[in-house]
Amino acid sequence: MVTLGSPFRPDATSAPTPPVSERAGTAVDQLRGPLPVPTTAIWSKTDGIVGWRGCRVEESETARNVSVPSSHLGMTSNPSALAALTRALV
């Protein structure tokens, strides 16, 4: 799995947790653990739309984080993000 600025994990530091997430309980806890597939999370501290902390994965042999200097919408054409995407898919 490759993500581009995707806040797929709960991030309490950037925004309040929506009530639906609070009720999800176990499902939310499972998202905090390692993902069952090879994963590259491409994220940016300068995203401007989503909190970058929620876009990162817990690094392991099959999971890595790649920080790029980009806006949220700019990731689809950012040379650094596209290079990371290409490396992840090869």
Protein backbone atom coordinates (compact mmCIF):
# COMPACT_ATOMS: atom_id res chain seq x y z
CA MET A 1 0.00 0.00 0.00
CA VAL A 2 1.26 3.48 -0.82
CA THR A 3 -0.36 6.57 0.65
CA LEU A 4 0.08 10.21 -0.32
CA GLY A 5 -0.77 12.53 2.57
CA SER A 6 -3.46 10.12 3.76
CA PRO A 7 -4.47 10.50 7.41
CA PHE A 8 -5.43 6.85 7.88
CA ARG A 9 -4.53 6.78 11.57
CA PRO A 10 -6.19 8.68 14.40
CA ASP A 11 -4.13 11.74 15.28
CA ALA A 12 -5.27 13.34 18.49
CA THR A 13 -2.59 16.02 18.28
CA SER A 14 -3.99 17.76 15.20
CA ALA A 15 -7.75 17.60 15.57
CA PRO A 16 -10.39 16.40 17.99
CA THR A 17 -11.38 12.77 17.56
CA PRO A 18 -14.79 12.55 15.92
CA PRO A 19 -17.44 10.82 18.07
CA VAL A 20 -17.72 7.98 15.54
CA SER A 21 -14.00 7.20 16.04
CA GLU A 22 -14.44 7.14 19.79
CA ARG A 23 -17.17 4.54 19.43
CA ALA A 24 -15.15 2.44 16.99
CA GLY A 25 -12.97 1.22 19.88
CA THR A 26 -11.21 -1.96 18.78
CA ALA A 27 -11.15 -1.04 15.08
CA VAL A 28 -9.33 2.20 15.85
CA ASP A 29 -6.84 0.35 18.07
CA GLN A 30 -6.13 -2.11 15.24
CA LEU A 31 -5.30 0.79 12.91
CA ARG A 32 -2.55 1.85 15.29
CA GLY A 33 -0.76 -1.49 14.89
CA PRO A 34 1.36 -2.75 12.00
CA LEU A 35 -0.45 -3.11 8.69
CA PRO A 36 -0.62 -6.62 7.17
CA VAL A 37 0.78 -5.51 3.78
CA PRO A 38 3.98 -3.75 2.63
CA THR A 39 3.38 -0.05 3.18
CA THR A 40 4.98 3.24 2.20
CA ALA A 41 3.48 6.37 3.72
CA ILE A 42 4.43 9.55 1.87
CA TRP A 43 3.66 12.62 3.97
CA SER A 44 4.65 16.24 4.49
CA LYS A 45 4.96 18.50 7.51
CA THR A 46 3.96 21.35 5.18
CA ASP A 47 0.80 19.55 3.99
CA GLY A 48 -1.51 22.35 5.10
CA ILE A 49 -4.67 20.24 5.02
CA VAL A 50 -4.15 17.10 7.11
CA GLY A 51 -2.07 16.52 10.22
CA TRP A 52 1.16 14.83 9.19
CA ARG A 53 1.42 12.70 12.34
CA GLY A 54 -1.68 10.74 11.34
CA CYS A 55 -0.18 10.01 7.91
CA ARG A 56 2.81 8.04 9.19
CA VAL A 57 3.11 4.31 9.73
CA GLU A 58 4.96 2.45 12.43
CA GLU A 59 8.19 1.58 10.65
CA SER A 60 9.21 -2.06 10.25
CA GLU A 61 10.84 -4.33 7.66
CA THR A 62 7.75 -3.90 5.46
CA ALA A 63 6.64 -0.38 6.39
CA ARG A 64 8.41 2.91 5.84
CA ASN A 65 7.76 6.63 5.99
CA VAL A 66 8.92 9.13 3.40
CA SER A 67 8.77 12.82 4.24
CA VAL A 68 8.58 15.19 1.26
CA PRO A 69 8.51 19.00 1.07
CA SER A 70 5.06 19.49 -0.45
CA SER A 71 1.59 20.87 -0.04
CA HIS A 72 -1.27 18.39 0.20
CA LEU A 73 -2.53 18.87 -3.34
CA GLY A 74 1.00 19.26 -4.69
CA MET A 75 1.97 15.69 -3.78
CA THR A 76 0.50 14.35 -7.01
CA SER A 77 3.04 16.32 -9.04
CA ASN A 78 5.89 16.75 -6.54
CA PRO A 79 9.12 15.16 -7.92
CA SER A 80 10.15 13.88 -4.46
CA ALA A 81 6.75 12.29 -3.83
CA LEU A 82 6.64 10.74 -7.31
CA ALA A 83 10.17 9.32 -6.88
CA ALA A 84 9.15 7.76 -3.54
CA LEU A 85 6.00 6.37 -5.13
CA THR A 86 8.02 4.84 -7.98
CA ARG A 87 10.51 3.24 -5.52
CA ALA A 88 7.64 1.78 -3.51
CA LEU A 89 6.03 0.20 -6.56
CA VAL A 90 9.19 -1.32 -8.05
